[in-house]
Each structure stands twice: as C-alpha cells, then as structure tokens.
C-alpha cells in the first residue's frame, strides 16, 4: 500500500523510483538465504530447479535473443541484459532462444505466466513458455542469473510458475496523486518482481482522479486524462500487468458533491434518498468504458 504522506511531486517521484527498483526486496528477508550455488540468488524463488555446479558463465557482449517472442517484448530486456555482458570467451553464453506457444495471448486474470529455462553447457540458454508473458518472466530470471558476475553452473533445468494468480500492489492515487511517468516506473518494478496487478484507488473523500464526460466538474486537480489512462493501460499490458480501478462509494464519497451538491449527504456519503442513483450509474459506466 503506497499511501504514505508526501508533500511534493518531486518527493513522490523519488519514492516511486525507489519502489520500482526495490520491489524485488518486498519479502526478501524471509527468503534471502535461497541460493543455487556460490552467489547465484533468484527472486522470486523458482518453484523447481536442478542445478549442476561448474564453471562461471557470463553473457557475451554480442549475444542475441532468438525464437518467436515478439521484439516488442524481448526488447524490454535487451538493455538490461546488455548491461550485464562481458567480452566473449570459452564460457560465455551467446544465444538466448525463446520459444513461446502463444505469442499473442490475451492478458486476463487467468493468464499463464509459467516458463522453463534450460542450460546444458555450451553457448545457449533455451526458454520455453506457453505465453509471451511467461517468456518475459523467463528473461527476467535469465537477467538475474547473469547479474553479479554470472552463474557458476555447468547445467541447470529451471521451471517456474506463480503460486498465486493475483500478485498485486495498491497505489492510493486519490489521496496522493502520482504522475503517469512515475506510475510507469512502478509497473516496471512489478514486472521485475513477477507481479501482475496494479490496484489503483482513484476516488476517496473529496478527490476524484479520473476524467468524466457526463460530469466535467467531478474530477479534482490534478487528475488523469482519458489519454493518460489509455497510455498507462497499454504500457502495463505490454509488461503483463493488469490495472484494476477502485472507487470509494457509497461512503467516503464527498467527491460526488463536485458534480452536484445534492448527490451527497452531511456525512460525505452518497445520498440514496435523492436523485444521485443515476449519477452513480453514469460514473460507473464511464469507468468501465475507460478500463475495458
């Protein structure tokens, strides 16, 4: 839950940047001792692995990603992997081959993120996955393997799949507005941590952060435009992350008074004795259309 009090946008951006790069450590205290060999640590810990200790393997500077994973996905890890490369030698890996069964699988709450990574010595790592999102998770694991100087293994057979289908982080952007650029950093952090849901609390108390065509006075400043939401949803989907909106109602909904003072009672709740029911329906329809 990222609802900490922040006084300025720049302060939040610092916090968001920290969140994006430190989500790997969310529960690391409980599992920090999980290592394959020497200094090779993976997070989250894979569900199954069969390692064979051996010479240190590193990634060659002129490595290639082959296979049928669309470039729009593999490119997300090109720069990360490039930063971990070394000059080619007899123990460097030259090829990462990704074979995906369905490279255009839809992103849903039931998306399959499982994958398998195999290294049998030589110069190639082989990845297989049922979807492009499993391929992404596999590339993240491979990047971790080459971090900190490579992995000291002659062979390994690794399989992994999330234990829970819903792996979420919540941001309270109603209380503390977060710029889209910072939200994208958070989405990157979710991908790197193999999390798949960003729950965003858009409305609470006097604040409503979404656009409204039906009630233009409803949003408070600052708020997100329809283009902001479309851009964020596209960015998140490319990284296997679902964005789930949340709006407080009928209580803690004094923001409805922005549209019409008669929509709320004296307790900041929606007044169900007046003509507010049509407004509630209209707002819910707008949100559904925006996030559909």
Protein backbone atom coordinates (compact mmCIF):
# COMPACT_ATOMS: atom_id res chain seq x y z
CA UNK A 1 0.00 0.00 0.00
CA UNK A 2 1.68 3.19 -1.22
CA UNK A 3 -0.45 5.77 0.55
CA UNK A 4 2.37 7.41 2.51
CA UNK A 5 2.10 11.16 3.02
CA UNK A 6 4.24 13.13 0.58
CA UNK A 7 4.35 16.88 0.33
CA UNK A 8 5.60 17.47 -3.22
CA UNK A 9 5.54 15.77 -6.58
CA UNK A 10 9.33 15.54 -6.66
CA UNK A 11 9.32 13.72 -3.33
CA UNK A 12 6.80 11.22 -4.65
CA UNK A 13 8.84 10.69 -7.79
CA UNK A 14 11.82 9.77 -5.64
CA UNK A 15 9.69 7.30 -3.69
CA UNK A 16 8.17 5.85 -6.86
CA UNK A 17 11.61 5.38 -8.36
CA UNK A 18 12.71 3.56 -5.23
CA UNK A 19 9.60 1.37 -5.37
CA UNK A 20 10.20 0.50 -8.99
CA UNK A 21 13.70 -0.80 -8.32
CA UNK A 22 13.27 -2.29 -4.86
CA UNK A 23 10.08 -4.36 -5.20
CA UNK A 24 12.38 -7.39 -5.53
CA UNK A 25 13.06 -6.97 -1.82
CA UNK A 26 9.42 -6.92 -0.64
CA UNK A 27 9.71 -10.27 1.15
CA UNK A 28 13.40 -10.94 0.64
CA UNK A 29 14.05 -11.05 4.38
CA UNK A 30 12.16 -14.34 4.54
CA UNK A 31 13.92 -15.95 1.59
CA UNK A 32 17.32 -14.27 1.36
CA UNK A 33 19.18 -17.49 2.06
CA UNK A 34 17.81 -19.20 -1.05
CA UNK A 35 20.83 -19.71 -3.33
CA UNK A 36 21.69 -22.14 -6.12
CA UNK A 37 25.42 -22.17 -5.90
CA UNK A 38 28.12 -19.74 -4.83
CA UNK A 39 26.46 -16.30 -5.14
CA UNK A 40 23.56 -17.04 -7.51
CA UNK A 41 20.28 -15.86 -5.98
CA UNK A 42 16.95 -15.65 -7.76
CA UNK A 43 13.89 -13.69 -6.70
CA UNK A 44 11.11 -14.77 -6.58
CA UNK A 45 12.45 -18.23 -5.86
CA UNK A 46 11.63 -20.62 -8.75
CA UNK A 47 9.27 -23.48 -7.99
CA UNK A 48 11.61 -26.11 -9.42
CA UNK A 49 15.29 -26.29 -10.35
CA UNK A 50 18.01 -28.85 -10.98
CA UNK A 51 21.46 -27.23 -10.99
CA UNK A 52 24.89 -28.75 -11.68
CA UNK A 53 27.76 -26.69 -10.27
CA UNK A 54 30.63 -25.80 -12.56
CA UNK A 55 32.49 -23.01 -14.30
CA UNK A 56 31.26 -19.42 -14.12
CA UNK A 57 29.14 -18.50 -17.13
CA UNK A 58 28.72 -14.94 -18.34
CA UNK A 59 26.81 -13.28 -21.17
CA UNK A 60 28.74 -12.33 -24.30
CA UNK A 61 28.58 -8.71 -25.44
CA UNK A 62 27.28 -9.73 -28.86
CA UNK A 63 24.58 -12.04 -27.53
CA UNK A 64 21.32 -12.48 -29.44
CA UNK A 65 17.74 -13.28 -28.41
CA UNK A 66 16.27 -15.71 -30.94
CA UNK A 67 12.95 -17.53 -31.27
CA UNK A 68 9.39 -16.33 -31.74
CA UNK A 69 8.94 -13.94 -28.80
CA UNK A 70 7.86 -10.66 -30.44
CA UNK A 71 10.53 -7.96 -30.35
CA UNK A 72 8.13 -5.65 -28.52
CA UNK A 73 8.54 -7.99 -25.54
CA UNK A 74 12.16 -9.14 -25.86
CA UNK A 75 13.29 -5.52 -26.30
CA UNK A 76 12.15 -4.83 -22.74
CA UNK A 77 15.14 -6.85 -21.53
CA UNK A 78 17.71 -6.06 -24.24
CA UNK A 79 19.20 -3.06 -22.42
CA UNK A 80 19.09 -4.80 -19.04
CA UNK A 81 20.90 -7.85 -20.40
CA UNK A 82 23.33 -5.69 -22.39
CA UNK A 83 24.48 -4.04 -19.18
CA UNK A 84 25.47 -7.46 -17.81
CA UNK A 85 27.63 -8.59 -20.74
CA UNK A 86 31.38 -9.27 -20.91
CA UNK A 87 33.92 -9.89 -23.66
CA UNK A 88 33.32 -13.28 -25.34
CA UNK A 89 35.30 -16.27 -24.07
CA UNK A 90 35.05 -20.03 -23.89
CA UNK A 91 32.49 -19.90 -21.09
CA UNK A 92 30.23 -17.11 -22.31
CA UNK A 93 26.64 -17.56 -23.43
CA UNK A 94 25.96 -16.23 -26.92
CA UNK A 95 22.30 -17.09 -27.51
CA UNK A 96 19.06 -16.89 -25.54
CA UNK A 97 16.41 -18.77 -27.50
CA UNK A 98 12.78 -18.14 -26.56
CA UNK A 99 10.06 -20.49 -27.84
CA UNK A 100 6.55 -19.31 -26.97
CA UNK A 101 3.49 -21.43 -27.74
CA UNK A 102 1.11 -18.45 -27.99
CA UNK A 103 2.90 -15.14 -28.58
CA UNK A 104 -0.35 -13.14 -28.69
CA UNK A 105 -2.13 -14.49 -25.62
CA UNK A 106 -4.64 -12.04 -24.09
CA UNK A 107 -3.87 -10.56 -20.69
CA UNK A 108 -6.52 -11.77 -18.22
CA UNK A 109 -6.70 -12.67 -14.51
CA UNK A 110 -6.03 -16.28 -15.62
CA UNK A 111 -3.04 -15.63 -17.90
CA UNK A 112 -0.38 -18.36 -17.80
CA UNK A 113 2.97 -16.90 -16.70
CA UNK A 114 4.79 -20.23 -16.36
CA UNK A 115 8.10 -20.88 -18.08
CA UNK A 116 11.09 -23.18 -18.30
CA UNK A 117 14.76 -22.25 -18.67
CA UNK A 118 17.35 -24.89 -19.62
CA UNK A 119 21.14 -24.67 -19.94
CA UNK A 120 23.06 -27.76 -20.99
CA UNK A 121 26.51 -26.21 -21.22
CA UNK A 122 27.76 -24.74 -24.43
CA UNK A 123 26.77 -21.26 -25.54
CA UNK A 124 22.96 -21.22 -25.50
CA UNK A 125 20.15 -20.88 -22.97
CA UNK A 126 16.75 -22.22 -24.03
CA UNK A 127 13.45 -20.77 -22.81
CA UNK A 128 10.03 -22.30 -23.37
CA UNK A 129 6.73 -20.77 -22.24
CA UNK A 130 3.03 -21.08 -23.10
CA UNK A 131 2.60 -17.29 -23.46
CA UNK A 132 4.65 -14.20 -24.22
CA UNK A 133 4.25 -13.18 -20.59
CA UNK A 134 5.90 -16.39 -19.40
CA UNK A 135 8.68 -15.54 -21.86
CA UNK A 136 9.07 -12.14 -20.18
CA UNK A 137 9.29 -13.73 -16.73
CA UNK A 138 11.91 -16.16 -18.05
CA UNK A 139 14.02 -13.31 -19.43
CA UNK A 140 13.87 -11.63 -16.02
CA UNK A 141 15.17 -14.82 -14.42
CA UNK A 142 17.96 -15.06 -17.00
CA UNK A 143 18.92 -11.45 -16.30
CA UNK A 144 19.18 -12.27 -12.60
CA UNK A 145 21.39 -15.27 -13.41
CA UNK A 146 23.89 -13.04 -15.19
CA UNK A 147 23.81 -10.36 -12.53
CA UNK A 148 26.74 -10.17 -10.08
CA UNK A 149 29.23 -11.72 -12.48
CA UNK A 150 27.27 -14.64 -13.92
CA UNK A 151 26.36 -18.10 -12.62
CA UNK A 152 28.69 -20.92 -11.59
CA UNK A 153 26.80 -23.79 -13.20
CA UNK A 154 27.64 -26.27 -15.94
CA UNK A 155 23.95 -27.05 -16.42
CA UNK A 156 20.54 -26.31 -14.97
CA UNK A 157 16.90 -27.12 -15.61
CA UNK A 158 14.60 -24.50 -14.11
CA UNK A 159 10.83 -24.40 -14.14
CA UNK A 160 8.64 -21.81 -12.53
CA UNK A 161 5.05 -20.62 -12.28
CA UNK A 162 3.42 -18.13 -9.90
CA UNK A 163 1.92 -19.70 -6.80
CA UNK A 164 -0.87 -17.13 -6.71
CA UNK A 165 -2.80 -15.82 -9.73
CA UNK A 166 -3.31 -12.38 -8.15
CA UNK A 167 0.01 -10.71 -7.22
CA UNK A 168 -0.81 -7.09 -6.56
CA UNK A 169 0.40 -3.72 -5.39
CA UNK A 170 -2.04 -0.96 -4.43
CA UNK A 171 -1.49 2.75 -5.01
CA UNK A 172 -3.75 5.32 -3.37
CA UNK A 173 -3.64 7.99 -6.06
CA UNK A 174 -6.85 9.53 -4.73
CA UNK A 175 -5.11 10.68 -1.56
CA UNK A 176 -1.71 11.33 -3.17
CA UNK A 177 -1.64 11.91 -6.91
CA UNK A 178 1.09 10.06 -8.81
CA UNK A 179 2.27 11.28 -12.25
CA UNK A 180 1.97 8.84 -15.15
CA UNK A 181 5.76 8.72 -15.62
CA UNK A 182 6.15 7.53 -12.03
CA UNK A 183 3.32 5.03 -12.45
CA UNK A 184 5.23 3.50 -15.36
CA UNK A 185 8.27 3.09 -13.12
CA UNK A 186 6.09 1.23 -10.64
CA UNK A 187 4.79 -1.01 -13.45
CA UNK A 188 8.40 -1.79 -14.41
CA UNK A 189 9.05 -2.78 -10.81
CA UNK A 190 6.04 -5.09 -10.83
CA UNK A 191 7.35 -6.86 -13.94
CA UNK A 192 10.82 -7.25 -12.44
CA UNK A 193 9.21 -8.76 -9.34
CA UNK A 194 6.86 -11.00 -11.36
CA UNK A 195 3.75 -9.28 -10.02
CA UNK A 196 0.75 -8.88 -12.30
CA UNK A 197 -1.82 -6.47 -10.83
CA UNK A 198 -1.69 -2.74 -10.10
CA UNK A 199 -4.73 -1.79 -8.00
CA UNK A 200 -5.32 1.96 -8.19
CA UNK A 201 -7.54 3.78 -5.72
CA UNK A 202 -8.83 6.68 -7.86
CA UNK A 203 -11.55 8.18 -5.65
CA UNK A 204 -11.72 8.84 -1.93
CA UNK A 205 -13.19 11.68 0.13
CA UNK A 206 -13.13 14.92 -1.88
CA UNK A 207 -10.76 13.63 -4.56
CA UNK A 208 -11.70 12.04 -7.88
CA UNK A 209 -8.77 11.50 -10.26
CA UNK A 210 -10.48 10.15 -13.40
CA UNK A 211 -12.00 12.10 -16.31
CA UNK A 212 -15.76 12.42 -16.61
CA UNK A 213 -17.64 13.44 -19.73
CA UNK A 214 -21.01 13.22 -18.00
CA UNK A 215 -19.92 15.35 -15.01
CA UNK A 216 -16.98 17.60 -16.06
CA UNK A 217 -16.80 19.18 -12.59
CA UNK A 218 -16.32 15.79 -10.91
CA UNK A 219 -12.51 15.42 -11.27
CA UNK A 220 -10.28 17.24 -8.80
CA UNK A 221 -6.94 18.77 -9.76
CA UNK A 222 -4.65 17.14 -10.59
CA UNK A 223 -6.36 14.26 -12.33
CA UNK A 224 -5.72 11.83 -15.19
CA UNK A 225 -6.98 12.39 -18.72
CA UNK A 226 -8.52 9.63 -20.81
CA UNK A 227 -5.29 9.56 -22.83
CA UNK A 228 -3.26 9.15 -19.61
CA UNK A 229 -5.29 6.07 -18.70
CA UNK A 230 -5.09 4.61 -22.21
CA UNK A 231 -1.33 5.13 -22.25
CA UNK A 232 -0.89 3.55 -18.81
CA UNK A 233 -3.07 0.54 -19.66
CA UNK A 234 -1.10 -0.09 -22.86
CA UNK A 235 2.24 0.24 -21.07
CA UNK A 236 1.15 -2.09 -18.28
CA UNK A 237 -0.37 -4.70 -20.60
CA UNK A 238 2.91 -4.90 -22.54
CA UNK A 239 4.52 -5.92 -19.24
CA UNK A 240 1.88 -8.41 -18.19
CA UNK A 241 0.30 -6.10 -15.60
CA UNK A 242 -3.46 -5.59 -15.21
CA UNK A 243 -4.57 -2.20 -13.90
CA UNK A 244 -7.62 -2.51 -11.64
CA UNK A 245 -9.52 0.69 -10.73
CA UNK A 246 -11.10 1.22 -7.35
CA UNK A 247 -13.57 3.96 -6.40
CA UNK A 248 -14.91 4.55 -2.90
CA UNK A 249 -18.71 4.58 -2.64
CA UNK A 250 -21.24 4.97 -1.17
CA UNK A 251 -19.28 6.15 1.91
CA UNK A 252 -16.20 8.40 1.76
CA UNK A 253 -17.58 9.80 -1.49
CA UNK A 254 -17.81 13.54 -0.91
CA UNK A 255 -16.22 13.93 -4.36
CA UNK A 256 -19.74 13.40 -5.78
CA UNK A 257 -20.63 16.83 -4.47
CA UNK A 258 -18.18 18.28 -7.01
CA UNK A 259 -20.72 17.38 -9.68
CA UNK A 260 -23.81 18.32 -7.69
CA UNK A 261 -24.07 19.25 -4.03
CA UNK A 262 -27.30 17.29 -3.69
CA UNK A 263 -25.58 14.00 -4.52
CA UNK A 264 -24.04 13.71 -1.02
CA UNK A 265 -25.45 13.84 2.47
CA UNK A 266 -23.95 15.55 5.51
CA UNK A 267 -21.78 12.53 6.22
CA UNK A 268 -19.89 12.60 2.91
CA UNK A 269 -21.82 9.59 1.66
CA UNK A 270 -23.88 9.29 -1.49
CA UNK A 271 -27.43 10.39 -0.73
CA UNK A 272 -29.57 7.47 -1.79
CA UNK A 273 -32.76 9.36 -0.96
CA UNK A 274 -32.26 11.92 -3.73
CA UNK A 275 -31.51 11.80 -7.43
CA UNK A 276 -27.94 10.54 -7.11
CA UNK A 277 -28.62 6.99 -8.30
CA UNK A 278 -28.48 7.97 -11.97
CA UNK A 279 -25.16 9.76 -11.32
CA UNK A 280 -23.66 6.68 -9.71
CA UNK A 281 -24.71 4.55 -12.68
CA UNK A 282 -23.29 7.08 -15.13
CA UNK A 283 -19.92 7.28 -13.36
CA UNK A 284 -19.58 3.50 -13.08
CA UNK A 285 -20.34 3.16 -16.80
CA UNK A 286 -17.67 5.74 -17.60
CA UNK A 287 -15.06 3.91 -15.52
CA UNK A 288 -15.96 0.56 -17.08
CA UNK A 289 -15.61 2.03 -20.56
CA UNK A 290 -12.28 3.63 -19.68
CA UNK A 291 -10.75 0.40 -18.35
CA UNK A 292 -12.43 -2.11 -20.66
